[in-house]
Amino acid sequence: MIPSNRPALSIAMALGLFALGLAGCSTGGPSLDQPAAPSMGPALPPAFPPQDIVGRWGLAAYHKEEDRARTEAAARGQCKQPYVITLGPSGGVMMHLADQSTPTELRLRGGPGGKTYIGPADGEVGGAQDREVVLFDGKILILRWMDPEIQGRYGTMVYVRCGSEGAPRTAAKPKPKTAPKPQ
């Protein structure tokens, strides 16, 4: 039987991999004295203020452009259970991010080419969590997710304003008074 050198070979391979990893740490990584990546510059103003989209909206989505008209009609039908957009505490709007169950304050920000985006304040304009405003005319708001994977799951979102102040509310009817029973 031939004596085995497996422990020595394993140790030599581990030391070699460690040396390669250590060499990679000293040459390719970012250093603290390098300048930060250039930013996109000052944020541009959005095409409309956040107050313009506050309200009650019927919501539906489509994946194919030819389904847009049908989706707008479906969104109108959702005013019985509207999606409510409110102002946030810091001047943004309260809306949901993808895959989030609670609303987050989002900002309306202008981008290159006169586009408007809705997304987190700390992200870059047009970033993965943003939505591009495709159309806004006061009555209809159409938003497209910037992340292709999210866009593929959720589609293009169509918001249709529910009346001028949201879905009309009806006052509760007073209960009819019953006459006292004669004794």
C-alpha atoms as a PDB file:
ATOM      1  CA  MET A   1       0.000   0.000   0.000  1.00  0.00           C
ATOM      2  CA  ILE A   2       1.327   3.433  -0.953  1.00  0.00           C
ATOM      3  CA  PRO A   3       1.270   6.153   1.762  1.00  0.00           C
ATOM      4  CA  SER A   4      -1.138   8.994   0.942  1.00  0.00           C
ATOM      5  CA  ASN A   5      -0.155  12.686   0.780  1.00  0.00           C
ATOM      6  CA  ARG A   6      -3.744  13.920   0.776  1.00  0.00           C
ATOM      7  CA  PRO A   7      -3.465  16.084   3.925  1.00  0.00           C
ATOM      8  CA  ALA A   8      -0.349  17.838   2.599  1.00  0.00           C
ATOM      9  CA  LEU A   9      -1.940  18.317  -0.821  1.00  0.00           C
ATOM     10  CA  SER A  10      -5.137  19.757   0.725  1.00  0.00           C
ATOM     11  CA  ILE A  11      -3.146  22.197   2.846  1.00  0.00           C
ATOM     12  CA  ALA A  12      -1.064  23.316  -0.145  1.00  0.00           C
ATOM     13  CA  MET A  13      -4.199  23.908  -2.243  1.00  0.00           C
ATOM     14  CA  ALA A  14      -5.879  25.859   0.563  1.00  0.00           C
ATOM     15  CA  LEU A  15      -2.782  28.051   1.017  1.00  0.00           C
ATOM     16  CA  GLY A  16      -2.608  28.667  -2.724  1.00  0.00           C
ATOM     17  CA  LEU A  17      -6.262  29.714  -2.908  1.00  0.00           C
ATOM     18  CA  PHE A  18      -5.787  31.940   0.138  1.00  0.00           C
ATOM     19  CA  ALA A  19      -2.791  33.641  -1.499  1.00  0.00           C
ATOM     20  CA  LEU A  20      -4.729  34.227  -4.724  1.00  0.00           C
ATOM     21  CA  GLY A  21      -7.670  35.678  -2.780  1.00  0.00           C
ATOM     22  CA  LEU A  22      -5.352  37.932  -0.787  1.00  0.00           C
ATOM     23  CA  ALA A  23      -3.676  39.164  -3.971  1.00  0.00           C
ATOM     24  CA  GLY A  24      -7.092  39.984  -5.467  1.00  0.00           C
ATOM     25  CA  CYS A  25      -7.972  42.084  -2.421  1.00  0.00           C
ATOM     26  CA  SER A  26      -4.927  44.279  -2.818  1.00  0.00           C
ATOM     27  CA  THR A  27      -5.258  45.086  -6.518  1.00  0.00           C
ATOM     28  CA  GLY A  28      -8.795  45.263  -7.891  1.00  0.00           C
ATOM     29  CA  GLY A  29     -11.030  46.674  -5.170  1.00  0.00           C
ATOM     30  CA  PRO A  30     -12.121  50.291  -4.738  1.00  0.00           C
ATOM     31  CA  SER A  31     -10.078  52.399  -2.370  1.00  0.00           C
ATOM     32  CA  LEU A  32     -11.362  55.092  -0.055  1.00  0.00           C
ATOM     33  CA  ASP A  33      -9.355  57.865  -1.712  1.00  0.00           C
ATOM     34  CA  GLN A  34     -10.953  57.369  -5.157  1.00  0.00           C
ATOM     35  CA  PRO A  35     -13.587  59.960  -6.145  1.00  0.00           C
ATOM     36  CA  ALA A  36     -17.234  58.884  -6.061  1.00  0.00           C
ATOM     37  CA  ALA A  37     -19.053  58.130  -9.295  1.00  0.00           C
ATOM     38  CA  PRO A  38     -20.513  61.264 -10.852  1.00  0.00           C
ATOM     39  CA  SER A  39     -24.172  61.888 -10.051  1.00  0.00           C
ATOM     40  CA  MET A  40     -26.863  62.758 -12.581  1.00  0.00           C
ATOM     41  CA  GLY A  41     -26.802  66.352 -11.364  1.00  0.00           C
ATOM     42  CA  PRO A  42     -29.602  68.245  -9.689  1.00  0.00           C
ATOM     43  CA  ALA A  43     -33.043  66.689  -9.834  1.00  0.00           C
ATOM     44  CA  LEU A  44     -35.265  68.175 -12.503  1.00  0.00           C
ATOM     45  CA  PRO A  45     -38.765  69.325 -11.625  1.00  0.00           C
ATOM     46  CA  PRO A  46     -41.585  66.870 -12.418  1.00  0.00           C
ATOM     47  CA  ALA A  47     -44.198  67.742 -15.048  1.00  0.00           C
ATOM     48  CA  PHE A  48     -46.848  68.164 -12.312  1.00  0.00           C
ATOM     49  CA  PRO A  49     -46.913  68.531  -8.502  1.00  0.00           C
ATOM     50  CA  PRO A  50     -47.682  65.588  -6.186  1.00  0.00           C
ATOM     51  CA  GLN A  51     -50.990  67.181  -5.143  1.00  0.00           C
ATOM     52  CA  ASP A  52     -52.327  66.549  -8.645  1.00  0.00           C
ATOM     53  CA  ILE A  53     -52.368  62.767  -8.188  1.00  0.00           C
ATOM     54  CA  VAL A  54     -53.755  62.718  -4.654  1.00  0.00           C
ATOM     55  CA  GLY A  55     -57.191  61.119  -4.554  1.00  0.00           C
ATOM     56  CA  ARG A  56     -59.152  57.943  -5.149  1.00  0.00           C
ATOM     57  CA  TRP A  57     -58.342  55.894  -8.227  1.00  0.00           C
ATOM     58  CA  GLY A  58     -59.675  52.802  -9.932  1.00  0.00           C
ATOM     59  CA  LEU A  59     -56.700  50.576 -10.727  1.00  0.00           C
ATOM     60  CA  ALA A  60     -56.068  47.908 -13.361  1.00  0.00           C
ATOM     61  CA  ALA A  61     -53.081  46.808 -15.454  1.00  0.00           C
ATOM     62  CA  TYR A  62     -52.273  45.519 -18.923  1.00  0.00           C
ATOM     63  CA  HIS A  63     -49.349  43.794 -20.615  1.00  0.00           C
ATOM     64  CA  LYS A  64     -50.231  44.447 -24.266  1.00  0.00           C
ATOM     65  CA  GLU A  65     -50.837  47.959 -25.618  1.00  0.00           C
ATOM     66  CA  GLU A  66     -53.938  46.775 -27.490  1.00  0.00           C
ATOM     67  CA  ASP A  67     -55.532  46.004 -24.088  1.00  0.00           C
ATOM     68  CA  ARG A  68     -55.239  49.587 -22.857  1.00  0.00           C
ATOM     69  CA  ALA A  69     -58.809  50.752 -23.659  1.00  0.00           C
ATOM     70  CA  ARG A  70     -60.318  47.645 -22.064  1.00  0.00           C
ATOM     71  CA  THR A  71     -58.072  48.111 -19.025  1.00  0.00           C
ATOM     72  CA  GLU A  72     -59.170  51.747 -18.596  1.00  0.00           C
ATOM     73  CA  ALA A  73     -62.784  50.561 -18.517  1.00  0.00           C
ATOM     74  CA  ALA A  74     -61.886  47.866 -15.987  1.00  0.00           C
ATOM     75  CA  ALA A  75     -60.126  50.472 -13.819  1.00  0.00           C
ATOM     76  CA  ARG A  76     -63.292  52.634 -13.806  1.00  0.00           C
ATOM     77  CA  GLY A  77     -65.133  49.641 -12.419  1.00  0.00           C
ATOM     78  CA  GLN A  78     -62.708  49.457  -9.493  1.00  0.00           C
ATOM     79  CA  CYS A  79     -63.901  52.760  -7.982  1.00  0.00           C
ATOM     80  CA  LYS A  80     -66.068  50.734  -5.585  1.00  0.00           C
ATOM     81  CA  GLN A  81     -62.781  49.754  -3.920  1.00  0.00           C
ATOM     82  CA  PRO A  82     -60.442  52.588  -4.925  1.00  0.00           C
ATOM     83  CA  TYR A  83     -56.683  52.782  -4.615  1.00  0.00           C
ATOM     84  CA  VAL A  84     -56.089  55.868  -2.467  1.00  0.00           C
ATOM     85  CA  ILE A  85     -53.056  58.113  -3.018  1.00  0.00           C
ATOM     86  CA  THR A  86     -52.390  60.600  -0.206  1.00  0.00           C
ATOM     87  CA  LEU A  87     -49.714  63.198   0.456  1.00  0.00           C
ATOM     88  CA  GLY A  88     -46.751  61.929   2.431  1.00  0.00           C
ATOM     89  CA  PRO A  89     -45.318  63.630   5.510  1.00  0.00           C
ATOM     90  CA  SER A  90     -42.370  65.065   3.547  1.00  0.00           C
ATOM     91  CA  GLY A  91     -44.196  66.291   0.449  1.00  0.00           C
ATOM     92  CA  GLY A  92     -44.203  63.095  -1.590  1.00  0.00           C
ATOM     93  CA  VAL A  93     -47.093  60.718  -2.214  1.00  0.00           C
ATOM     94  CA  MET A  94     -47.975  57.536  -0.356  1.00  0.00           C
ATOM     95  CA  MET A  95     -48.026  54.590  -2.773  1.00  0.00           C
ATOM     96  CA  HIS A  96     -46.925  50.960  -2.789  1.00  0.00           C
ATOM     97  CA  LEU A  97     -43.594  49.775  -4.128  1.00  0.00           C
ATOM     98  CA  ALA A  98     -43.465  46.450  -5.950  1.00  0.00           C
ATOM     99  CA  ASP A  99     -44.061  43.486  -3.633  1.00  0.00           C
ATOM    100  CA  GLN A 100     -44.679  45.725  -0.590  1.00  0.00           C
ATOM    101  CA  SER A 101     -47.868  45.439   1.456  1.00  0.00           C
ATOM    102  CA  THR A 102     -47.629  48.877   3.075  1.00  0.00           C
ATOM    103  CA  PRO A 103     -47.435  52.216   1.276  1.00  0.00           C
ATOM    104  CA  THR A 104     -44.154  54.149   1.200  1.00  0.00           C
ATOM    105  CA  GLU A 105     -43.585  57.829   0.586  1.00  0.00           C
ATOM    106  CA  LEU A 106     -42.456  58.244  -3.007  1.00  0.00           C
ATOM    107  CA  ARG A 107     -41.251  61.318  -4.868  1.00  0.00           C
ATOM    108  CA  LEU A 108     -42.192  62.732  -8.225  1.00  0.00           C
ATOM    109  CA  ARG A 109     -38.971  63.640 -10.023  1.00  0.00           C
ATOM    110  CA  GLY A 110     -38.201  64.943 -13.435  1.00  0.00           C
ATOM    111  CA  GLY A 111     -35.776  63.139 -15.684  1.00  0.00           C
ATOM    112  CA  PRO A 112     -34.036  63.576 -19.018  1.00  0.00           C
ATOM    113  CA  GLY A 113     -36.286  64.283 -21.984  1.00  0.00           C
ATOM    114  CA  GLY A 114     -39.009  65.887 -19.866  1.00  0.00           C
ATOM    115  CA  LYS A 115     -40.081  62.543 -18.372  1.00  0.00           C
ATOM    116  CA  THR A 116     -41.516  62.254 -14.863  1.00  0.00           C
ATOM    117  CA  TYR A 117     -40.804  59.359 -12.527  1.00  0.00           C
ATOM    118  CA  ILE A 118     -42.368  58.225  -9.247  1.00  0.00           C
ATOM    119  CA  GLY A 119     -40.035  56.408  -6.887  1.00  0.00           C
ATOM    120  CA  PRO A 120     -38.056  56.400  -3.646  1.00  0.00           C
ATOM    121  CA  ALA A 121     -36.303  59.666  -2.782  1.00  0.00           C
ATOM    122  CA  ASP A 122     -32.963  57.970  -2.189  1.00  0.00           C
ATOM    123  CA  GLY A 123     -32.755  56.151  -5.514  1.00  0.00           C
ATOM    124  CA  GLU A 124     -31.526  57.467  -8.821  1.00  0.00           C
ATOM    125  CA  VAL A 125     -34.059  58.990 -11.204  1.00  0.00           C
ATOM    126  CA  GLY A 126     -35.368  56.234 -13.482  1.00  0.00           C
ATOM    127  CA  GLY A 127     -33.961  53.531 -11.170  1.00  0.00           C
ATOM    128  CA  ALA A 128     -35.248  49.990 -10.834  1.00  0.00           C
ATOM    129  CA  GLN A 129     -37.918  50.838  -8.226  1.00  0.00           C
ATOM    130  CA  ASP A 130     -39.221  53.843 -10.169  1.00  0.00           C
ATOM    131  CA  ARG A 131     -42.249  54.048 -12.415  1.00  0.00           C
ATOM    132  CA  GLU A 132     -42.263  56.258 -15.479  1.00  0.00           C
ATOM    133  CA  VAL A 133     -45.342  58.412 -15.970  1.00  0.00           C
ATOM    134  CA  VAL A 134     -46.488  57.413 -19.458  1.00  0.00           C
ATOM    135  CA  LEU A 135     -49.628  59.579 -19.357  1.00  0.00           C
ATOM    136  CA  PHE A 136     -51.255  61.957 -16.910  1.00  0.00           C
ATOM    137  CA  ASP A 137     -54.172  64.187 -17.920  1.00  0.00           C
ATOM    138  CA  GLY A 138     -55.800  64.710 -14.522  1.00  0.00           C
ATOM    139  CA  LYS A 139     -58.298  61.889 -15.031  1.00  0.00           C
ATOM    140  CA  ILE A 140     -56.041  59.051 -16.141  1.00  0.00           C
ATOM    141  CA  LEU A 141     -52.578  58.176 -14.806  1.00  0.00           C
ATOM    142  CA  ILE A 142     -50.569  55.468 -16.575  1.00  0.00           C
ATOM    143  CA  LEU A 143     -47.352  54.219 -14.978  1.00  0.00           C
ATOM    144  CA  ARG A 144     -44.750  51.812 -16.387  1.00  0.00           C
ATOM    145  CA  TRP A 145     -42.302  50.002 -14.067  1.00  0.00           C
ATOM    146  CA  MET A 146     -38.658  50.617 -14.938  1.00  0.00           C
ATOM    147  CA  ASP A 147     -37.448  47.173 -13.832  1.00  0.00           C
ATOM    148  CA  PRO A 148     -38.256  44.755 -16.694  1.00  0.00           C
ATOM    149  CA  GLU A 149     -38.859  41.859 -14.296  1.00  0.00           C
ATOM    150  CA  ILE A 150     -41.372  43.863 -12.247  1.00  0.00           C
ATOM    151  CA  GLN A 151     -42.963  45.222 -15.446  1.00  0.00           C
ATOM    152  CA  GLY A 152     -43.351  41.638 -16.645  1.00  0.00           C
ATOM    153  CA  ARG A 153     -45.175  40.638 -13.462  1.00  0.00           C
ATOM    154  CA  TYR A 154     -47.355  43.698 -12.822  1.00  0.00           C
ATOM    155  CA  GLY A 155     -47.738  45.196 -16.294  1.00  0.00           C
ATOM    156  CA  THR A 156     -48.482  48.818 -17.085  1.00  0.00           C
ATOM    157  CA  MET A 157     -50.620  50.323 -14.327  1.00  0.00           C
ATOM    158  CA  VAL A 158     -53.723  52.320 -15.294  1.00  0.00           C
ATOM    159  CA  TYR A 159     -55.264  54.601 -12.662  1.00  0.00           C
ATOM    160  CA  VAL A 160     -58.634  56.212 -13.488  1.00  0.00           C
ATOM    161  CA  ARG A 161     -59.807  58.996 -11.174  1.00  0.00           C
ATOM    162  CA  CYS A 162     -62.995  58.134  -9.323  1.00  0.00           C
ATOM    163  CA  GLY A 163     -65.262  61.159  -9.855  1.00  0.00           C
ATOM    164  CA  SER A 164     -64.025  64.609  -8.963  1.00  0.00           C
ATOM    165  CA  GLU A 165     -63.493  63.790  -5.289  1.00  0.00           C
ATOM    166  CA  GLY A 166     -63.355  60.017  -5.527  1.00  0.00           C
ATOM    167  CA  ALA A 167     -66.179  57.533  -5.367  1.00  0.00           C
ATOM    168  CA  PRO A 168     -69.421  59.208  -4.376  1.00  0.00           C
ATOM    169  CA  ARG A 169     -70.508  58.391  -0.884  1.00  0.00           C
ATOM    170  CA  THR A 170     -74.110  58.058   0.058  1.00  0.00           C
ATOM    171  CA  ALA A 171     -75.327  59.212   3.418  1.00  0.00           C
ATOM    172  CA  ALA A 172     -76.705  56.562   5.694  1.00  0.00           C
ATOM    173  CA  LYS A 173     -80.465  56.496   5.603  1.00  0.00           C
ATOM    174  CA  PRO A 174     -82.122  57.223   8.934  1.00  0.00           C
ATOM    175  CA  LYS A 175     -84.001  54.327  10.404  1.00  0.00           C
ATOM    176  CA  PRO A 176     -87.731  54.791  10.130  1.00  0.00           C
ATOM    177  CA  LYS A 177     -89.378  55.561  13.405  1.00  0.00           C
ATOM    178  CA  THR A 178     -91.889  53.012  14.434  1.00  0.00           C
ATOM    179  CA  ALA A 179     -95.048  54.109  16.043  1.00  0.00           C
ATOM    180  CA  PRO A 180     -95.503  52.925  19.617  1.00  0.00           C
ATOM    181  CA  LYS A 181     -97.685  49.894  19.827  1.00  0.00           C
ATOM    182  CA  PRO A 182    -101.119  50.591  21.298  1.00  0.00           C
ATOM    183  CA  GLN A 183    -101.759  48.889  24.598  1.00  0.00           C
END
